[in-house]
Each structure stands twice: as structure tokens, then as C-alpha cells.
Amino acid sequence: MTPVKRTVLLICCLAVMLTVLPLSAAPRITIQIPEGALKGKASGRMYLFTSRTGNRPPYTGPNWFSPEPFYGVDITVESGDTVELDEKTEGFPNVLGELAEGKYFLQVLFDFDVYHSDHAKGAGNIYSPVQEVEWTGDNRLKFELSEVIGELPFEETRFRRQIRLYSPRLSLFYGREIIQKATVVLPSSYYESEKARFPVIYTVSGFGGTHETMGRSLSQGGSKPIKGEVEFIRIYLDGQCKWGHHVYADSAKNGPRGAALIHELIPEIDRRYRTVEASTARFVTGHSSGGWSSLWLQVNYPEVFGGVWSTAPDPVDFRDYQEVNLYAGNPLSLYTNPKGNRRPLARRNGEVLIWYEDFGRMDDGIGRGGQLKSFEAVFSPLDRQGKPLLMWTRDKGKVIPSTVKYWVEYDINKLIERRWEAGLKEKLAGKINVFMGTVDTFYLEGACEYLKMTMEALDSDAVIELHPGKDHFNLTTPDLMQRIRREMSASYLKYHRVE
């Protein structure tokens, strides 16, 4: 056979093979941004969410305790643009090309809001209708982002108000107008006298909480005292920001959040409402991330607040960062314990609900606004791209000491120790109250045990209580919450007289 005939035969064989053997399957998702959907260019994250059940809009995921696959890419787009996702698009638990076959409900969302930690609540974010799809791995799908997420509604009444305040500090930091928001609930007797003034309770929400939903049970009749209490004006804060919960700590990524609260919002509240303008009449409280926030505010602004009642705070000592010593000489792994076993992140009744590595990968898939990245956004400096330095390696979960050295500034227990003899001892006298369950759902009790030991060693009068058998969600019983209000009332009555 001549060389020419062999070549022709080879070409023919290849042609036959190509007609018999299909090309490797690869999905392609085409996303259309309608004309007029965006005002100029917008930078954000494009998500594809999946759900097996369809009993909720897929874009409201992922659920912390049972996340379903989702995918995302950071982009800058404008109206009329088209975006494509393919098999290499990263997500959770792996790339889009590895999504298992079967029936799914799919939905696309473009998240570019800067106010909210949850993409599903970010006003102005655009999303597509849901598509029910039989996923085969080589699907060609088209989505149009024709729907818009609206502002969270606020139920305003005579007793429940929303305060919105332009923040010069935050606007300068972000290079755009930033509005501080909070809910104000007035006492039931507020309108009975134009001269009466009231002490104030500042309550900071936990992670994901919004001030728009706080205090609604008091919206019709105002806050009413029970026996042993005085009447308070109640201010509800939520700590919402693009990177999660800013915890009212000034940080490189979130900006001067504490300063904006102390020097802008609180003075404005005192101006608009009949508050008692004294630290002895101003108290702060919160649960979980709100518990950390309230303790941070009291320790850093001891002359502004007359006492803190913090419940189940996020890690207050990084020697026990959910059972990991971030300062260990030989860096530890967040994913596995020293014996090589998987490290849990959440539990209930002795059963593990979340493993650290799984949650970390889901958190990174969200891209921003997740709980773990929220910590990095507050505690870490920024890299050259303007993103928070990673605190742990994403492959092995190993703690990165060069980042942790910056986190020390936000270690509340160490901060108290450093400043104790420089005046903090007197300024915090009678003002620290922290409550934690001994089996906290997120393993937060160890850090509180360190705080308790430090306070005892410093001969402080701080109240640090670990409640036997209580977890993150059943700690705040009606009895404990009533006790807290009574203790705030007693603290107020030491310095003020009720007319």
C-alpha cells in the first residue's frame, strides 16, 4: 500500500471513530443580563444554585447544615452582557462538571449588593426564574436575570422606628454613600410625658440577623417593663456588611464600624430621642456574633457603655478558636485534630452536624459573606488584591502564623490583659457579664473558660458563667433574659432615679 493510500485510509478510520465515539460531555450555562438591569458596570459574584426538592427558591441556599451544590464566579458586567459557566466553574462541593446526574431545580443570581451578608437579601441583586432540569452533564441551558430583590420591608409604627443615618466615616472609606441603619423601639410610656428620659439597651444581632426583623413583637405597644425593671429605649443593630458580620470592630476590610457607631449613630440617637445621655444609662448586649460584638464594644469603649451582657459570644480567646489554639508553636490544622481525625465545627446532642473542612469549602464557595470568611474580613489585614489575608491553608487547613500575628489585636482576652493595669481595671468594674453553655453547638465554651480564668487571675468582678448542659440555641431561656434586664435595671438605678 502506497503512503498516500495509507494516509487516506487513516483519515477515513478516524472519521468513522468520531461518528461512533461522542465527544466528552461538558455543560454550558449561558446567562443573559437584560438591558437596563444594571446602572453601569457592577462587580460581584455570579451564582448557579441547585436544589433537589424545589420546596424553596434555590438561590436562598446554601443551608449551613445540609448544603446542596452551588457554583460561582467573580465578574464585572453591565446591562446586555452575557456570561457563560462551564464544567470548570468552581463551587461546592466541586466543579460544575462533577455535578451528579438527576433532576434539579436550578436558579442563577448575580450578587453585587454591599450592605448585606446574604446574597438572597441584597437589595438590587438580580436573579432568574427557576428551571426544572434533568441534569445529564452535557446540558445547554439559558437563564435570564429578569427578577430583582427588593429592600427588606420595615414595619414602622408609633413605637417602632427605623433610623437611617449617612455615615461620613464609612462613606469616605468605601468611596460611596453608606447609610447606617438601626431599629428603635420606644417604651410604652414614651408619649405620656414630654420630659421623661429613658436609659438605652443596644442589642447586636447574631450572624445573619437583620435589624428590620428585630423588635417586631414590641411594635404595637412599645417595650413594657415587668416587676423589677425600668423602662428602656431599645436599639437593635445587625452588623450586616458584604463580608458577613462586621461585629462593630474597625477593620481593614470593613472600615471604621466601631467608630461610626460610637461617634455618629449613638450621638444621633441621643439627639432624636429622649435618652439619658450618660454611660451609666447605656447598656449593650447580643448573642453569638452579637455576643462578641457587645463584649468588644464594652472593652474598647468602656466610657461609653455602663455594662455588657454577652451570651454565647464567638471566640473571645484565640487559644481556643473552636477547639484550635491559633498560637500553637507547631501550627495546627482546622480540618483535623492531632490524631488525624476530622475536626467537627458544630454538634447537637453529641452528634456532629458540620465538619470544619466541609463548612470551610462551602464558605469559600460563597465567596464572601460566610461565617469563616467573615472572621478573616475583620481580623486580617489585606493582600495586594485588597482581599483579607487567609488565616489557614485551604488544602490542609493548617493555621498560617504570619496572619495570626495580626489577629492578636482582636483577641478580646489578650486585649483585656494588656490594658488592665493601664486603666481598664477601673473602667470595667462591674460592667462585664458573659454567659455560655458548656456544650455550645459551635464549640465556643473553651474560649469563655479562658476568659473566666483571666478575670479571676486579675481579681476582676466580671461575671463569666458557663451553664451546664446548655448549647448555642437553648442558653437564652426566658429566665436568663429576664435576669439580664433586671440586672441592667439595677445597674441603672445605682446612678439614676426613676421619676
Protein backbone atom coordinates (compact mmCIF):
# COMPACT_ATOMS: atom_id res chain seq x y z
CA MET A 1 0.00 0.00 0.00
CA THR A 2 1.36 3.35 -1.01
CA PRO A 3 1.92 6.13 1.61
CA VAL A 4 -0.90 8.16 0.06
CA LYS A 5 -3.40 5.28 0.34
CA ARG A 6 -2.37 4.62 3.96
CA THR A 7 -2.98 8.27 4.78
CA VAL A 8 -6.42 8.25 3.15
CA LEU A 9 -7.34 5.04 4.98
CA LEU A 10 -6.23 6.51 8.34
CA ILE A 11 -8.32 9.62 7.77
CA CYS A 12 -11.35 7.50 6.92
CA CYS A 13 -10.88 5.39 10.07
CA LEU A 14 -10.64 8.49 12.22
CA ALA A 15 -13.80 9.86 10.64
CA VAL A 16 -15.66 6.63 11.42
CA MET A 17 -14.39 6.68 15.02
CA LEU A 18 -15.56 10.25 15.51
CA THR A 19 -19.06 9.34 14.31
CA VAL A 20 -19.20 6.40 16.73
CA LEU A 21 -17.46 7.84 19.82
CA PRO A 22 -19.12 11.01 21.22
CA LEU A 23 -17.09 13.97 22.34
CA SER A 24 -16.63 14.25 26.11
CA ALA A 25 -19.73 15.71 27.76
CA ALA A 26 -19.49 19.26 29.05
CA PRO A 27 -22.26 21.52 30.36
CA ARG A 28 -22.65 25.11 29.27
CA ILE A 29 -24.76 27.63 31.14
CA THR A 30 -25.49 30.88 29.32
CA ILE A 31 -26.66 33.80 31.46
CA GLN A 32 -28.17 36.93 29.93
CA ILE A 33 -28.24 40.26 31.77
CA PRO A 34 -31.16 42.25 30.36
CA GLU A 35 -30.80 45.78 29.06
CA GLY A 36 -31.37 48.28 31.86
CA ALA A 37 -30.92 45.70 34.62
CA LEU A 38 -27.77 47.41 35.94
CA LYS A 39 -26.78 51.05 36.30
CA GLY A 40 -23.37 50.98 34.67
CA LYS A 41 -20.75 48.36 35.40
CA ALA A 42 -21.13 46.23 38.52
CA SER A 43 -18.64 43.90 40.18
CA GLY A 44 -19.90 40.91 42.09
CA ARG A 45 -20.36 37.15 42.06
CA MET A 46 -22.49 35.15 39.63
CA TYR A 47 -24.01 32.06 41.26
CA LEU A 48 -25.72 28.94 39.96
CA PHE A 49 -27.72 27.31 42.76
CA THR A 50 -29.17 23.82 42.73
CA SER A 51 -31.88 22.10 44.74
CA ARG A 52 -33.20 18.55 44.58
CA THR A 53 -36.55 19.28 46.19
CA GLY A 54 -37.79 22.58 44.80
CA ASN A 55 -39.55 23.37 48.07
CA ARG A 56 -37.75 26.72 48.25
CA PRO A 57 -36.12 29.06 45.73
CA PRO A 58 -32.65 27.55 45.15
CA TYR A 59 -30.99 30.99 45.40
CA THR A 60 -31.88 31.14 49.12
CA GLY A 61 -29.21 28.47 49.77
CA PRO A 62 -26.88 27.11 50.86
CA ASN A 63 -28.20 25.75 54.15
CA TRP A 64 -25.34 25.56 56.69
CA PHE A 65 -26.38 22.15 57.98
CA SER A 66 -27.34 20.50 54.66
CA PRO A 67 -25.84 22.49 51.76
CA GLU A 68 -26.67 21.50 48.20
CA PRO A 69 -24.26 22.05 45.28
CA PHE A 70 -23.76 25.60 44.04
CA TYR A 71 -21.22 27.36 41.82
CA GLY A 72 -19.88 30.87 41.45
CA VAL A 73 -17.51 33.18 39.62
CA ASP A 74 -16.40 36.75 40.41
CA ILE A 75 -17.04 39.06 37.46
CA THR A 76 -17.60 42.65 36.37
CA VAL A 77 -20.53 43.10 33.98
CA GLU A 78 -23.03 45.61 32.67
CA SER A 79 -26.51 45.51 31.17
CA GLY A 80 -26.73 43.47 27.97
CA ASP A 81 -23.73 41.28 28.79
CA THR A 82 -23.74 37.51 28.52
CA VAL A 83 -21.90 35.26 30.98
CA GLU A 84 -21.09 31.60 30.48
CA LEU A 85 -20.39 28.89 33.05
CA ASP A 86 -18.82 25.58 32.03
CA GLU A 87 -17.57 22.33 33.53
CA LYS A 88 -14.58 24.11 35.10
CA THR A 89 -16.66 26.61 37.06
CA GLU A 90 -15.75 26.17 40.72
CA GLY A 91 -18.17 25.69 43.52
CA PHE A 92 -19.26 23.41 46.33
CA PRO A 93 -18.51 20.56 46.77
CA ASN A 94 -16.51 20.57 43.49
CA VAL A 95 -16.61 21.93 39.92
CA LEU A 96 -19.80 22.09 37.85
CA GLY A 97 -18.59 19.27 35.59
CA GLU A 98 -18.83 16.90 38.56
CA LEU A 99 -22.45 17.61 39.44
CA ALA A 100 -24.20 14.24 39.74
CA GLU A 101 -26.86 13.35 37.19
CA GLY A 102 -30.51 13.63 38.12
CA LYS A 103 -33.39 16.06 38.48
CA TYR A 104 -32.58 19.53 39.83
CA PHE A 105 -34.20 22.89 40.27
CA LEU A 106 -31.67 25.49 39.08
CA GLN A 107 -31.53 29.23 39.57
CA VAL A 108 -28.94 31.93 38.79
CA LEU A 109 -28.28 35.07 40.86
CA PHE A 110 -25.87 37.98 40.40
CA ASP A 111 -24.81 39.39 43.77
CA PHE A 112 -23.35 42.90 43.81
CA ASP A 113 -25.01 44.38 46.92
CA VAL A 114 -22.58 45.79 49.51
CA TYR A 115 -24.88 46.11 52.53
CA HIS A 116 -25.96 42.56 53.24
CA SER A 117 -24.10 39.36 54.09
CA ASP A 118 -26.78 37.22 52.43
CA HIS A 119 -26.92 37.37 48.63
CA ALA A 120 -30.59 36.35 48.80
CA LYS A 121 -31.44 39.53 50.73
CA GLY A 122 -29.19 42.03 48.98
CA ALA A 123 -31.40 44.80 47.61
CA GLY A 124 -30.88 45.26 43.87
CA ASN A 125 -29.38 41.82 43.24
CA ILE A 126 -30.84 40.25 40.09
CA TYR A 127 -31.83 36.63 39.57
CA SER A 128 -33.53 34.25 37.16
CA PRO A 129 -36.74 32.23 37.31
CA VAL A 130 -36.29 28.61 38.46
CA GLN A 131 -35.74 25.91 35.84
CA GLU A 132 -36.53 22.25 36.49
CA VAL A 133 -33.84 20.26 34.70
CA GLU A 134 -32.84 16.65 34.15
CA TRP A 135 -29.08 17.05 34.54
CA THR A 136 -27.07 14.76 32.26
CA GLY A 137 -23.69 16.50 32.42
CA ASP A 138 -23.83 17.91 28.89
CA ASN A 139 -26.79 20.28 29.32
CA ARG A 140 -27.02 23.52 27.37
CA LEU A 141 -29.11 25.92 29.45
CA LYS A 142 -30.00 29.60 29.20
CA PHE A 143 -31.03 31.88 32.07
CA GLU A 144 -32.15 35.50 32.02
CA LEU A 145 -31.73 37.61 35.16
CA SER A 146 -35.14 39.21 34.92
CA GLU A 147 -36.04 39.42 38.64
CA VAL A 148 -34.83 41.93 41.25
CA ILE A 149 -34.51 41.56 45.04
CA GLY A 150 -36.24 44.44 46.79
CA GLU A 151 -35.43 46.25 50.00
CA LEU A 152 -36.23 44.36 53.18
CA PRO A 153 -39.53 45.83 54.37
CA PHE A 154 -39.58 47.68 57.66
CA GLU A 155 -42.75 47.74 59.76
CA GLU A 156 -42.79 51.22 61.24
CA THR A 157 -45.28 52.10 63.97
CA ARG A 158 -45.64 54.79 66.59
CA PHE A 159 -43.35 52.82 68.90
CA ARG A 160 -41.06 51.10 66.40
CA ARG A 161 -38.97 53.30 64.12
CA GLN A 162 -36.15 52.86 61.68
CA ILE A 163 -33.22 55.22 61.93
CA ARG A 164 -31.18 55.83 58.76
CA LEU A 165 -28.07 57.99 59.01
CA TYR A 166 -25.48 58.97 56.43
CA SER A 167 -22.05 57.95 57.69
CA PRO A 168 -19.19 60.31 56.74
CA ARG A 169 -16.58 57.87 58.08
CA LEU A 170 -17.87 54.82 56.21
CA SER A 171 -18.64 56.78 53.05
CA LEU A 172 -15.09 58.09 52.94
CA PHE A 173 -13.73 54.58 53.49
CA TYR A 174 -15.84 52.98 50.74
CA GLY A 175 -15.75 55.88 48.32
CA ARG A 176 -19.56 55.87 48.04
CA GLU A 177 -22.53 56.85 50.16
CA ILE A 178 -23.01 54.47 53.11
CA ILE A 179 -26.08 54.64 55.34
CA GLN A 180 -26.13 53.30 58.90
CA LYS A 181 -29.43 51.72 59.88
CA ALA A 182 -31.00 50.55 63.13
CA THR A 183 -34.35 49.80 64.73
CA VAL A 184 -35.59 51.97 67.61
CA VAL A 185 -38.30 50.65 69.95
CA LEU A 186 -39.70 53.22 72.36
CA PRO A 187 -41.08 52.47 75.85
CA SER A 188 -44.83 52.10 76.23
CA SER A 189 -44.98 55.29 78.30
CA TYR A 190 -42.82 57.36 75.93
CA TYR A 191 -45.65 59.65 74.82
CA GLU A 192 -47.15 60.16 78.27
CA SER A 193 -44.66 62.91 79.17
CA GLU A 194 -42.52 65.17 77.05
CA LYS A 195 -39.96 65.48 79.83
CA ALA A 196 -39.32 61.84 80.77
CA ARG A 197 -35.99 60.40 79.68
CA PHE A 198 -35.03 56.75 79.42
CA PRO A 199 -31.94 54.53 79.59
CA VAL A 200 -30.99 52.63 76.44
CA ILE A 201 -30.24 48.99 75.61
CA TYR A 202 -28.21 48.39 72.45
CA THR A 203 -28.76 44.85 71.14
CA VAL A 204 -26.50 43.46 68.39
CA SER A 205 -27.88 40.62 66.28
CA GLY A 206 -26.16 37.31 65.69
CA PHE A 207 -24.70 36.32 62.32
CA GLY A 208 -27.21 36.85 59.52
CA GLY A 209 -29.64 38.81 61.69
CA THR A 210 -31.24 41.97 60.33
CA HIS A 211 -32.50 44.98 62.25
CA GLU A 212 -35.60 45.01 60.02
CA THR A 213 -36.83 41.86 61.75
CA MET A 214 -35.77 42.76 65.30
CA GLY A 215 -38.13 44.16 67.90
CA ARG A 216 -41.26 43.39 65.91
CA SER A 217 -43.03 41.84 68.89
CA LEU A 218 -42.88 45.27 70.56
CA SER A 219 -44.06 47.26 67.55
CA GLN A 220 -47.63 47.96 68.68
CA GLY A 221 -47.34 48.74 72.38
CA GLY A 222 -43.68 49.58 72.81
CA SER A 223 -41.34 47.94 75.32
CA LYS A 224 -43.03 47.30 78.66
CA PRO A 225 -41.19 46.67 81.91
CA ILE A 226 -42.11 43.88 84.29
CA LYS A 227 -41.59 43.80 88.03
CA GLY A 228 -38.05 44.75 88.98
CA GLU A 229 -37.30 46.51 85.69
CA VAL A 230 -37.20 50.07 84.49
CA GLU A 231 -38.34 51.21 81.06
CA PHE A 232 -35.72 51.29 78.31
CA ILE A 233 -35.44 52.63 74.82
CA ARG A 234 -34.20 49.67 72.79
CA ILE A 235 -31.87 49.99 69.83
CA TYR A 236 -31.39 46.97 67.55
CA LEU A 237 -28.20 46.72 65.49
CA ASP A 238 -27.40 43.99 62.98
CA GLY A 239 -23.73 44.21 61.97
CA GLN A 240 -24.62 43.48 58.35
CA CYS A 241 -21.99 44.00 55.65
CA LYS A 242 -20.85 42.39 52.43
CA TRP A 243 -18.29 40.22 54.19
CA GLY A 244 -20.65 38.88 56.86
CA HIS A 245 -20.87 40.44 60.32
CA HIS A 246 -18.54 43.38 60.92
CA VAL A 247 -19.01 42.96 64.72
CA TYR A 248 -18.58 46.74 65.20
CA ALA A 249 -14.81 46.40 65.10
CA ASP A 250 -12.75 48.78 62.98
CA SER A 251 -11.00 46.66 60.36
CA ALA A 252 -9.01 46.92 57.14
CA LYS A 253 -11.78 45.35 55.04
CA ASN A 254 -14.99 46.55 56.70
CA GLY A 255 -13.85 50.03 57.66
CA PRO A 256 -14.35 52.10 60.84
CA ARG A 257 -17.52 50.32 62.00
CA GLY A 258 -16.99 50.84 65.71
CA ALA A 259 -16.03 54.49 65.28
CA ALA A 260 -19.10 55.12 63.11
CA LEU A 261 -21.38 53.65 65.76
CA ILE A 262 -19.80 55.48 68.69
CA HIS A 263 -19.21 58.88 67.10
CA GLU A 264 -22.10 59.08 64.62
CA LEU A 265 -25.06 56.81 65.31
CA ILE A 266 -25.20 56.93 69.11
CA PRO A 267 -24.99 60.75 69.29
CA GLU A 268 -27.73 60.96 66.65
CA ILE A 269 -29.97 58.61 68.64
CA ASP A 270 -29.40 60.76 71.72
CA ARG A 271 -30.32 63.83 69.67
CA ARG A 272 -33.52 62.41 68.19
CA TYR A 273 -34.92 60.59 71.22
CA ARG A 274 -35.27 61.36 74.90
CA THR A 275 -32.40 59.22 76.17
CA VAL A 276 -30.44 59.64 79.38
CA GLU A 277 -27.14 60.75 77.89
CA ALA A 278 -24.78 59.02 80.28
CA SER A 279 -22.71 55.84 80.11
CA THR A 280 -24.42 54.67 83.30
CA ALA A 281 -27.68 54.64 81.34
CA ARG A 282 -26.38 52.92 78.20
CA PHE A 283 -26.04 49.12 78.03
CA VAL A 284 -25.05 46.67 75.32
CA THR A 285 -25.94 43.03 74.73
CA GLY A 286 -26.05 40.41 71.99
CA HIS A 287 -25.89 36.72 71.18
CA SER A 288 -23.27 34.74 69.20
CA SER A 289 -21.60 37.21 66.80
CA GLY A 290 -23.68 39.82 68.60
CA GLY A 291 -22.26 38.50 71.87
CA TRP A 292 -18.70 39.04 70.58
CA SER A 293 -19.68 42.48 69.24
CA SER A 294 -21.18 43.63 72.53
CA LEU A 295 -18.17 42.48 74.56
CA TRP A 296 -15.79 44.13 72.06
CA LEU A 297 -17.69 47.41 72.29
CA GLN A 298 -17.69 47.39 76.10
CA VAL A 299 -13.97 46.61 76.34
CA ASN A 300 -12.93 49.12 73.68
CA TYR A 301 -15.34 51.89 74.68
CA PRO A 302 -15.65 51.41 78.45
CA GLU A 303 -16.58 55.05 79.00
CA VAL A 304 -19.50 54.85 76.55
CA PHE A 305 -21.35 51.84 77.93
CA GLY A 306 -22.35 51.09 81.51
CA GLY A 307 -22.29 47.31 81.16
CA VAL A 308 -22.35 44.37 78.77
CA TRP A 309 -24.42 41.19 78.96
CA SER A 310 -22.97 38.91 76.28
CA THR A 311 -24.42 35.48 75.50
CA ALA A 312 -22.59 32.68 73.64
CA PRO A 313 -20.02 35.01 72.05
CA ASP A 314 -17.83 33.97 69.12
CA PRO A 315 -14.24 33.07 70.15
CA VAL A 316 -13.06 35.57 72.78
CA ASP A 317 -9.64 33.89 73.16
CA PHE A 318 -7.78 32.52 70.17
CA ARG A 319 -6.08 29.85 72.26
CA ASP A 320 -9.40 28.09 71.80
CA TYR A 321 -10.70 29.08 68.39
CA GLN A 322 -13.42 26.44 68.30
CA GLU A 323 -11.01 23.99 69.95
CA VAL A 324 -7.92 25.09 67.97
CA ASN A 325 -5.02 27.01 69.53
CA LEU A 326 -4.13 29.52 66.82
CA TYR A 327 -0.92 30.37 68.67
CA ALA A 328 0.45 26.81 68.81
CA GLY A 329 4.19 26.67 68.11
CA ASN A 330 3.67 23.90 65.59
CA PRO A 331 0.74 25.23 63.51
CA LEU A 332 -2.36 23.11 63.91
CA SER A 333 -4.95 22.15 61.30
CA LEU A 334 -8.51 23.36 61.42
CA TYR A 335 -9.55 20.31 59.40
CA THR A 336 -8.09 17.54 61.54
CA ASN A 337 -7.04 17.09 65.16
CA PRO A 338 -3.52 15.98 66.18
CA LYS A 339 -4.59 12.33 65.82
CA GLY A 340 -5.58 12.93 62.20
CA ASN A 341 -9.32 12.65 62.79
CA ARG A 342 -11.72 15.06 61.13
CA ARG A 343 -12.44 18.13 63.23
CA PRO A 344 -16.10 18.99 63.82
CA LEU A 345 -17.45 22.53 63.69
CA ALA A 346 -20.98 22.07 65.00
CA ARG A 347 -22.79 19.47 67.09
CA ARG A 348 -26.18 18.77 68.66
CA ASN A 349 -26.87 16.30 71.44
CA GLY A 350 -23.44 14.76 70.96
CA GLU A 351 -23.89 14.25 67.21
CA VAL A 352 -21.67 16.10 64.72
CA LEU A 353 -23.69 18.35 62.41
CA ILE A 354 -20.89 20.03 60.43
CA TRP A 355 -17.26 19.12 59.76
CA TYR A 356 -14.81 22.01 59.59
CA GLU A 357 -13.34 21.20 56.17
CA ASP A 358 -16.77 20.78 54.56
CA PHE A 359 -18.01 24.05 56.02
CA GLY A 360 -14.82 25.85 55.03
CA ARG A 361 -15.16 24.75 51.42
CA MET A 362 -18.80 25.80 51.36
CA ASP A 363 -17.83 29.14 52.93
CA ASP A 364 -15.20 29.74 50.26
CA GLY A 365 -17.69 28.77 47.57
CA ILE A 366 -19.98 31.57 48.73
CA GLY A 367 -17.06 33.89 48.02
CA ARG A 368 -17.92 36.43 50.70
CA GLY A 369 -20.44 36.81 53.47
CA GLY A 370 -19.88 33.39 55.05
CA GLN A 371 -19.12 32.96 58.76
CA LEU A 372 -15.46 31.90 58.44
CA LYS A 373 -14.59 34.48 55.79
CA SER A 374 -16.36 37.00 57.99
CA PHE A 375 -13.75 36.36 60.68
CA GLU A 376 -10.93 36.84 58.17
CA ALA A 377 -12.52 40.08 56.93
CA VAL A 378 -12.49 41.52 60.46
CA PHE A 379 -9.25 40.15 61.88
CA SER A 380 -6.89 40.02 58.85
CA PRO A 381 -5.02 42.77 57.01
CA LEU A 382 -5.41 42.95 53.22
CA ASP A 383 -3.31 41.38 50.49
CA ARG A 384 -2.24 43.20 47.32
CA GLN A 385 -5.59 42.47 45.67
CA GLY A 386 -7.44 44.07 48.59
CA LYS A 387 -8.71 40.76 49.99
CA PRO A 388 -8.29 39.64 53.61
CA LEU A 389 -5.22 37.50 54.22
CA LEU A 390 -6.11 33.83 54.59
CA MET A 391 -5.76 32.51 58.13
CA TRP A 392 -5.48 28.87 57.12
CA THR A 393 -4.33 26.94 54.06
CA ARG A 394 -7.31 25.76 52.07
CA ASP A 395 -5.79 22.41 51.09
CA LYS A 396 -4.74 21.07 54.50
CA GLY A 397 -6.45 23.55 56.79
CA LYS A 398 -3.20 24.49 58.51
CA VAL A 399 -3.10 27.71 60.52
CA ILE A 400 -0.89 30.44 58.99
CA PRO A 401 1.11 32.11 61.81
CA SER A 402 2.05 35.13 59.68
CA THR A 403 -1.65 36.01 59.53
CA VAL A 404 -2.47 35.08 63.13
CA LYS A 405 0.05 37.63 64.41
CA TYR A 406 -2.36 40.32 63.19
CA TRP A 407 -5.35 38.58 64.77
CA VAL A 408 -3.89 39.16 68.23
CA GLU A 409 -5.27 42.72 68.12
CA TYR A 410 -8.79 41.24 68.11
CA ASP A 411 -8.22 38.63 70.80
CA ILE A 412 -10.50 40.11 73.48
CA ASN A 413 -8.96 38.20 76.37
CA LYS A 414 -5.42 39.26 75.44
CA LEU A 415 -6.62 42.82 74.92
CA ILE A 416 -8.05 42.91 78.45
CA GLU A 417 -4.79 41.55 79.89
CA ARG A 418 -2.69 44.12 78.03
CA ARG A 419 -4.76 47.11 79.09
CA TRP A 420 -5.82 46.01 82.57
CA GLU A 421 -3.29 47.91 84.63
CA ALA A 422 -3.33 50.87 82.24
CA GLY A 423 -6.79 51.90 83.40
CA LEU A 424 -9.11 49.19 82.12
CA LYS A 425 -9.43 47.66 85.58
CA GLU A 426 -11.29 50.69 86.93
CA LYS A 427 -13.22 51.39 83.74
CA LEU A 428 -14.66 47.87 83.51
CA ALA A 429 -15.51 47.44 87.18
CA GLY A 430 -18.98 45.93 87.49
CA LYS A 431 -19.55 46.00 83.75
CA ILE A 432 -18.65 42.55 82.36
CA ASN A 433 -21.25 39.77 82.21
CA VAL A 434 -20.79 36.78 79.88
CA PHE A 435 -22.94 33.65 79.65
CA MET A 436 -22.08 30.46 77.76
CA GLY A 437 -23.36 26.88 77.61
CA THR A 438 -20.96 24.07 78.50
CA VAL A 439 -21.86 22.18 75.30
CA ASP A 440 -22.07 25.09 72.88
CA THR A 441 -23.18 23.99 69.42
CA PHE A 442 -20.15 25.63 67.81
CA TYR A 443 -17.57 24.66 70.47
CA LEU A 444 -17.28 28.20 71.85
CA GLU A 445 -17.19 27.33 75.55
CA GLY A 446 -13.41 26.75 75.70
CA ALA A 447 -12.61 30.37 74.88
CA CYS A 448 -15.01 31.55 77.61
CA GLU A 449 -13.28 29.26 80.09
CA TYR A 450 -10.00 31.05 79.29
CA LEU A 451 -11.74 34.41 79.78
CA LYS A 452 -13.09 33.27 83.13
CA MET A 453 -9.61 32.19 84.28
CA THR A 454 -8.12 35.51 83.21
CA MET A 455 -10.77 37.53 85.02
CA GLU A 456 -10.24 35.51 88.20
CA ALA A 457 -6.45 35.89 87.94
CA LEU A 458 -6.87 39.65 87.57
CA ASP A 459 -9.17 39.72 90.62
CA SER A 460 -11.92 41.19 88.47
CA ASP A 461 -15.58 41.32 89.49
CA ALA A 462 -16.59 40.16 86.00
CA VAL A 463 -19.37 37.58 85.86
CA ILE A 464 -18.41 34.75 83.48
CA GLU A 465 -20.89 31.89 83.74
CA LEU A 466 -20.86 28.51 81.99
CA HIS A 467 -24.32 26.97 82.17
CA PRO A 468 -24.24 23.16 82.40
CA GLY A 469 -25.82 21.29 79.51
CA LYS A 470 -26.79 24.40 77.55
CA ASP A 471 -25.91 24.82 73.87
CA HIS A 472 -25.87 27.78 71.50
CA PHE A 473 -29.61 27.79 70.98
CA ASN A 474 -31.15 26.89 74.33
CA LEU A 475 -28.87 29.04 76.52
CA THR A 476 -31.03 32.17 76.32
CA THR A 477 -34.01 30.95 78.32
CA PRO A 478 -36.79 33.38 79.33
CA ASP A 479 -35.41 33.26 82.88
CA LEU A 480 -31.91 34.28 81.76
CA MET A 481 -33.21 37.09 79.55
CA GLN A 482 -35.40 38.40 82.37
CA ARG A 483 -32.44 38.24 84.73
CA ILE A 484 -30.35 40.28 82.28
CA ARG A 485 -33.00 43.01 82.05
CA ARG A 486 -33.31 43.15 85.82
CA GLU A 487 -29.54 43.44 86.22
CA MET A 488 -29.46 46.26 83.68
CA SER A 489 -32.25 47.97 85.61
CA ALA A 490 -30.37 47.56 88.89
CA SER A 491 -27.21 48.97 87.33
CA TYR A 492 -29.13 51.99 86.06
CA LEU A 493 -30.81 52.61 89.43
CA LYS A 494 -27.43 52.81 91.18
CA TYR A 495 -26.84 56.15 89.49
CA HIS A 496 -30.27 57.42 88.42
CA ARG A 497 -33.68 57.94 89.94
CA VAL A 498 -36.89 57.00 88.18
CA GLU A 499 -39.35 59.90 88.29
